[in-house]
């Protein structure tokens, strides 16, 4: 069904978002709060990943 790696990755990511939204929704019992929580989660993880890669690149350039 999903022949390319990119398609499988995208479907997996969308299912992960749906799962996280469902978990937040079951905790809060409010769809709007669950959406906000999911967005905050992904913004925080995006910031963490960006910081991780920037610092890793910075350290590698300093060691060269």
PDB file of N, CA and C in Angstrom:
ATOM      1  N   UNK A   1       0.814  -1.190   0.000  1.00  0.00           N
ATOM      2  CA  UNK A   1       0.000   0.000   0.000  1.00  0.00           C
ATOM      3  C   UNK A   1       0.862   1.260   0.000  1.00  0.00           C
ATOM      4  N   UNK A   2       1.798   1.357   0.932  1.00  0.00           N
ATOM      5  CA  UNK A   2       2.697   2.505   0.977  1.00  0.00           C
ATOM      6  C   UNK A   2       4.055   2.022   0.490  1.00  0.00           C
ATOM      7  N   UNK A   3       4.344   2.302  -0.772  1.00  0.00           N
ATOM      8  CA  UNK A   3       5.512   1.703  -1.406  1.00  0.00           C
ATOM      9  C   UNK A   3       6.818   2.428  -1.098  1.00  0.00           C
ATOM     10  N   UNK A   4       6.748   3.706  -0.818  1.00  0.00           N
ATOM     11  CA  UNK A   4       7.988   4.445  -0.574  1.00  0.00           C
ATOM     12  C   UNK A   4       8.223   4.629   0.921  1.00  0.00           C
ATOM     13  N   UNK A   5       9.457   4.797   1.267  1.00  0.00           N
ATOM     14  CA  UNK A   5       9.829   5.035   2.663  1.00  0.00           C
ATOM     15  C   UNK A   5       9.240   6.348   3.162  1.00  0.00           C
ATOM     16  N   UNK A   6       9.201   7.345   2.293  1.00  0.00           N
ATOM     17  CA  UNK A   6       8.651   8.641   2.695  1.00  0.00           C
ATOM     18  C   UNK A   6       7.163   8.524   3.046  1.00  0.00           C
ATOM     19  N   UNK A   7       6.424   7.758   2.270  1.00  0.00           N
ATOM     20  CA  UNK A   7       4.993   7.582   2.550  1.00  0.00           C
ATOM     21  C   UNK A   7       4.792   6.842   3.863  1.00  0.00           C
ATOM     22  N   UNK A   8       5.572   5.816   4.112  1.00  0.00           N
ATOM     23  CA  UNK A   8       5.458   5.069   5.373  1.00  0.00           C
ATOM     24  C   UNK A   8       5.836   5.941   6.560  1.00  0.00           C
ATOM     25  N   UNK A   9       6.853   6.757   6.409  1.00  0.00           N
ATOM     26  CA  UNK A   9       7.272   7.653   7.479  1.00  0.00           C
ATOM     27  C   UNK A   9       6.184   8.682   7.772  1.00  0.00           C
ATOM     28  N   UNK A  10       5.594   9.250   6.730  1.00  0.00           N
ATOM     29  CA  UNK A  10       4.545  10.242   6.914  1.00  0.00           C
ATOM     30  C   UNK A  10       3.316   9.634   7.596  1.00  0.00           C
ATOM     31  N   UNK A  11       2.907   8.449   7.168  1.00  0.00           N
ATOM     32  CA  UNK A  11       1.761   7.790   7.792  1.00  0.00           C
ATOM     33  C   UNK A  11       2.064   7.459   9.249  1.00  0.00           C
ATOM     34  N   UNK A  12       3.261   6.994   9.528  1.00  0.00           N
ATOM     35  CA  UNK A  12       3.656   6.705  10.904  1.00  0.00           C
ATOM     36  C   UNK A  12       3.643   7.945  11.770  1.00  0.00           C
ATOM     37  N   UNK A  13       4.116   9.064  11.235  1.00  0.00           N
ATOM     38  CA  UNK A  13       4.127  10.315  11.985  1.00  0.00           C
ATOM     39  C   UNK A  13       2.705  10.791  12.257  1.00  0.00           C
ATOM     40  N   UNK A  14       1.828  10.690  11.254  1.00  0.00           N
ATOM     41  CA  UNK A  14       0.438  11.104  11.448  1.00  0.00           C
ATOM     42  C   UNK A  14      -0.268  10.221  12.476  1.00  0.00           C
ATOM     43  N   UNK A  15       0.016   8.928  12.461  1.00  0.00           N
ATOM     44  CA  UNK A  15      -0.567   8.040  13.468  1.00  0.00           C
ATOM     45  C   UNK A  15      -0.047   8.365  14.867  1.00  0.00           C
ATOM     46  N   UNK A  16       1.211   8.741  14.965  1.00  0.00           N
ATOM     47  CA  UNK A  16       1.771   9.141  16.258  1.00  0.00           C
ATOM     48  C   UNK A  16       1.092  10.401  16.783  1.00  0.00           C
ATOM     49  N   UNK A  17       0.867  11.379  15.903  1.00  0.00           N
ATOM     50  CA  UNK A  17       0.163  12.591  16.306  1.00  0.00           C
ATOM     51  C   UNK A  17      -1.245  12.260  16.765  1.00  0.00           C
ATOM     52  N   UNK A  18      -1.931  11.408  16.017  1.00  0.00           N
ATOM     53  CA  UNK A  18      -3.290  11.012  16.386  1.00  0.00           C
ATOM     54  C   UNK A  18      -3.308  10.300  17.732  1.00  0.00           C
ATOM     55  N   UNK A  19      -2.346   9.425  17.967  1.00  0.00           N
ATOM     56  CA  UNK A  19      -2.256   8.718  19.242  1.00  0.00           C
ATOM     57  C   UNK A  19      -2.032   9.698  20.395  1.00  0.00           C
ATOM     58  N   UNK A  20      -1.105  10.642  20.218  1.00  0.00           N
ATOM     59  CA  UNK A  20      -0.836  11.617  21.271  1.00  0.00           C
ATOM     60  C   UNK A  20      -2.052  12.507  21.530  1.00  0.00           C
ATOM     61  N   UNK A  21      -2.732  12.912  20.467  1.00  0.00           N
ATOM     62  CA  UNK A  21      -3.946  13.708  20.635  1.00  0.00           C
ATOM     63  C   UNK A  21      -5.004  12.921  21.397  1.00  0.00           C
ATOM     64  N   UNK A  22      -5.162  11.649  21.056  1.00  0.00           N
ATOM     65  CA  UNK A  22      -6.141  10.808  21.742  1.00  0.00           C
ATOM     66  C   UNK A  22      -5.800  10.653  23.218  1.00  0.00           C
ATOM     67  N   UNK A  23      -4.532  10.498  23.522  1.00  0.00           N
ATOM     68  CA  UNK A  23      -4.122  10.398  24.928  1.00  0.00           C
ATOM     69  C   UNK A  23      -4.429  11.684  25.684  1.00  0.00           C
ATOM     70  N   UNK A  24      -4.094  12.834  25.094  1.00  0.00           N
ATOM     71  CA  UNK A  24      -4.405  14.108  25.740  1.00  0.00           C
ATOM     72  C   UNK A  24      -5.909  14.284  25.905  1.00  0.00           C
ATOM     73  N   UNK A  25      -6.667  13.868  24.894  1.00  0.00           N
ATOM     74  CA  UNK A  25      -8.116  14.020  24.946  1.00  0.00           C
ATOM     75  C   UNK A  25      -8.723  13.165  26.058  1.00  0.00           C
ATOM     76  N   UNK A  26      -8.174  11.960  26.232  1.00  0.00           N
ATOM     77  CA  UNK A  26      -8.685  11.103  27.312  1.00  0.00           C
ATOM     78  C   UNK A  26      -8.335  11.663  28.686  1.00  0.00           C
ATOM     79  N   UNK A  27      -7.244  12.393  28.772  1.00  0.00           N
ATOM     80  CA  UNK A  27      -6.842  12.993  30.047  1.00  0.00           C
ATOM     81  C   UNK A  27      -7.677  14.236  30.351  1.00  0.00           C
ATOM     82  N   UNK A  28      -7.868  15.099  29.340  1.00  0.00           N
ATOM     83  CA  UNK A  28      -8.509  16.389  29.577  1.00  0.00           C
ATOM     84  C   UNK A  28     -10.016  16.382  29.342  1.00  0.00           C
ATOM     85  N   UNK A  29     -10.519  15.445  28.572  1.00  0.00           N
ATOM     86  CA  UNK A  29     -11.940  15.387  28.173  1.00  0.00           C
ATOM     87  C   UNK A  29     -12.378  16.630  27.408  1.00  0.00           C
ATOM     88  N   UNK A  30     -11.438  17.301  26.774  1.00  0.00           N
ATOM     89  CA  UNK A  30     -11.745  18.495  25.988  1.00  0.00           C
ATOM     90  C   UNK A  30     -10.861  18.483  24.738  1.00  0.00           C
ATOM     91  N   UNK A  31     -11.491  18.495  23.566  1.00  0.00           N
ATOM     92  CA  UNK A  31     -10.736  18.393  22.313  1.00  0.00           C
ATOM     93  C   UNK A  31      -9.834  19.600  22.088  1.00  0.00           C
ATOM     94  N   UNK A  32     -10.296  20.795  22.438  1.00  0.00           N
ATOM     95  CA  UNK A  32      -9.482  21.994  22.240  1.00  0.00           C
ATOM     96  C   UNK A  32      -8.237  21.959  23.125  1.00  0.00           C
ATOM     97  N   UNK A  33      -8.405  21.562  24.377  1.00  0.00           N
ATOM     98  CA  UNK A  33      -7.249  21.453  25.275  1.00  0.00           C
ATOM     99  C   UNK A  33      -6.299  20.353  24.818  1.00  0.00           C
ATOM    100  N   UNK A  34      -6.852  19.283  24.288  1.00  0.00           N
ATOM    101  CA  UNK A  34      -6.010  18.196  23.777  1.00  0.00           C
ATOM    102  C   UNK A  34      -5.196  18.667  22.580  1.00  0.00           C
ATOM    103  N   UNK A  35      -5.809  19.452  21.695  1.00  0.00           N
ATOM    104  CA  UNK A  35      -5.081  19.995  20.546  1.00  0.00           C
ATOM    105  C   UNK A  35      -3.973  20.931  21.004  1.00  0.00           C
ATOM    106  N   UNK A  36      -4.265  21.781  21.984  1.00  0.00           N
ATOM    107  CA  UNK A  36      -3.247  22.678  22.524  1.00  0.00           C
ATOM    108  C   UNK A  36      -2.107  21.888  23.155  1.00  0.00           C
ATOM    109  N   UNK A  37      -2.445  20.859  23.912  1.00  0.00           N
ATOM    110  CA  UNK A  37      -1.417  20.037  24.542  1.00  0.00           C
ATOM    111  C   UNK A  37      -0.550  19.328  23.526  1.00  0.00           C
ATOM    112  N   UNK A  38      -1.172  18.837  22.457  1.00  0.00           N
ATOM    113  CA  UNK A  38      -0.409  18.167  21.406  1.00  0.00           C
ATOM    114  C   UNK A  38       0.532  19.151  20.722  1.00  0.00           C
ATOM    115  N   UNK A  39       0.042  20.351  20.430  1.00  0.00           N
ATOM    116  CA  UNK A  39       0.903  21.360  19.805  1.00  0.00           C
ATOM    117  C   UNK A  39       2.061  21.751  20.710  1.00  0.00           C
ATOM    118  N   UNK A  40       1.784  21.953  21.987  1.00  0.00           N
ATOM    119  CA  UNK A  40       2.851  22.300  22.928  1.00  0.00           C
ATOM    120  C   UNK A  40       3.880  21.180  23.001  1.00  0.00           C
ATOM    121  N   UNK A  41       3.407  19.936  23.030  1.00  0.00           N
ATOM    122  CA  UNK A  41       4.318  18.790  23.062  1.00  0.00           C
ATOM    123  C   UNK A  41       5.237  18.790  21.854  1.00  0.00           C
ATOM    124  N   UNK A  42       4.670  18.969  20.654  1.00  0.00           N
ATOM    125  CA  UNK A  42       5.488  18.919  19.451  1.00  0.00           C
ATOM    126  C   UNK A  42       6.386  20.138  19.304  1.00  0.00           C
ATOM    127  N   UNK A  43       5.928  21.320  19.759  1.00  0.00           N
ATOM    128  CA  UNK A  43       6.817  22.482  19.750  1.00  0.00           C
ATOM    129  C   UNK A  43       7.994  22.274  20.707  1.00  0.00           C
ATOM    130  N   UNK A  44       7.721  21.717  21.875  1.00  0.00           N
ATOM    131  CA  UNK A  44       8.791  21.460  22.843  1.00  0.00           C
ATOM    132  C   UNK A  44       9.774  20.426  22.302  1.00  0.00           C
ATOM    133  N   UNK A  45       9.256  19.364  21.708  1.00  0.00           N
ATOM    134  CA  UNK A  45      10.150  18.349  21.136  1.00  0.00           C
ATOM    135  C   UNK A  45      10.936  18.894  19.948  1.00  0.00           C
ATOM    136  N   UNK A  46      10.301  19.751  19.155  1.00  0.00           N
ATOM    137  CA  UNK A  46      11.009  20.383  18.039  1.00  0.00           C
ATOM    138  C   UNK A  46      12.126  21.278  18.524  1.00  0.00           C
ATOM    139  N   UNK A  47      11.869  22.043  19.569  1.00  0.00           N
ATOM    140  CA  UNK A  47      12.913  22.882  20.150  1.00  0.00           C
ATOM    141  C   UNK A  47      14.043  22.063  20.737  1.00  0.00           C
ATOM    142  N   UNK A  48      13.690  20.970  21.395  1.00  0.00           N
ATOM    143  CA  UNK A  48      14.710  20.086  21.963  1.00  0.00           C
ATOM    144  C   UNK A  48      15.584  19.483  20.865  1.00  0.00           C
ATOM    145  N   UNK A  49      14.953  19.000  19.805  1.00  0.00           N
ATOM    146  CA  UNK A  49      15.717  18.391  18.703  1.00  0.00           C
ATOM    147  C   UNK A  49      16.594  19.423  18.009  1.00  0.00           C
ATOM    148  N   UNK A  50      16.071  20.616  17.797  1.00  0.00           N
ATOM    149  CA  UNK A  50      16.858  21.672  17.158  1.00  0.00           C
ATOM    150  C   UNK A  50      18.064  22.030  18.016  1.00  0.00           C
ATOM    151  N   UNK A  51      17.844  22.199  19.304  1.00  0.00           N
ATOM    152  CA  UNK A  51      18.937  22.509  20.219  1.00  0.00           C
ATOM    153  C   UNK A  51      19.972  21.400  20.226  1.00  0.00           C
ATOM    154  N   UNK A  52      19.499  20.156  20.248  1.00  0.00           N
ATOM    155  CA  UNK A  52      20.403  19.004  20.251  1.00  0.00           C
ATOM    156  C   UNK A  52      21.308  19.025  19.017  1.00  0.00           C
ATOM    157  N   UNK A  53      20.723  19.211  17.819  1.00  0.00           N
ATOM    158  CA  UNK A  53      21.512  19.186  16.589  1.00  0.00           C
ATOM    159  C   UNK A  53      22.436  20.390  16.480  1.00  0.00           C
ATOM    160  N   UNK A  54      21.983  21.551  16.916  1.00  0.00           N
ATOM    161  CA  UNK A  54      22.831  22.742  16.844  1.00  0.00           C
ATOM    162  C   UNK A  54      24.027  22.597  17.774  1.00  0.00           C
ATOM    163  N   UNK A  55      23.794  22.146  18.990  1.00  0.00           N
ATOM    164  CA  UNK A  55      24.897  21.978  19.940  1.00  0.00           C
ATOM    165  C   UNK A  55      25.838  20.869  19.471  1.00  0.00           C
ATOM    166  N   UNK A  56      25.287  19.780  18.929  1.00  0.00           N
ATOM    167  CA  UNK A  56      26.124  18.697  18.418  1.00  0.00           C
ATOM    168  C   UNK A  56      27.010  19.191  17.278  1.00  0.00           C
ATOM    169  N   UNK A  57      26.432  19.970  16.371  1.00  0.00           N
ATOM    170  CA  UNK A  57      27.218  20.526  15.260  1.00  0.00           C
ATOM    171  C   UNK A  57      28.267  21.498  15.776  1.00  0.00           C
ATOM    172  N   UNK A  58      27.901  22.294  16.758  1.00  0.00           N
ATOM    173  CA  UNK A  58      28.831  23.260  17.341  1.00  0.00           C
ATOM    174  C   UNK A  58      30.016  22.545  17.990  1.00  0.00           C
ATOM    175  N   UNK A  59      29.744  21.471  18.726  1.00  0.00           N
ATOM    176  CA  UNK A  59      30.809  20.717  19.376  1.00  0.00           C
ATOM    177  C   UNK A  59      31.698  20.045  18.339  1.00  0.00           C
ATOM    178  N   UNK A  60      31.090  19.479  17.290  1.00  0.00           N
ATOM    179  CA  UNK A  60      31.890  18.829  16.239  1.00  0.00           C
ATOM    180  C   UNK A  60      32.797  19.830  15.528  1.00  0.00           C
ATOM    181  N   UNK A  61      32.300  21.030  15.279  1.00  0.00           N
ATOM    182  CA  UNK A  61      33.139  22.040  14.632  1.00  0.00           C
ATOM    183  C   UNK A  61      34.275  22.489  15.562  1.00  0.00           C
ATOM    184  N   UNK A  62      34.041  22.496  16.837  1.00  0.00           N
ATOM    185  CA  UNK A  62      35.070  22.885  17.793  1.00  0.00           C
ATOM    186  C   UNK A  62      36.152  21.821  17.953  1.00  0.00           C
ATOM    187  N   UNK A  63      35.767  20.558  17.708  1.00  0.00           N
ATOM    188  CA  UNK A  63      36.738  19.473  17.858  1.00  0.00           C
ATOM    189  C   UNK A  63      37.588  19.273  16.626  1.00  0.00           C
ATOM    190  N   UNK A  64      37.169  19.830  15.493  1.00  0.00           N
ATOM    191  CA  UNK A  64      37.879  19.600  14.227  1.00  0.00           C
ATOM    192  C   UNK A  64      39.188  20.312  14.157  1.00  0.00           C
TER     193      UNK A  64
END
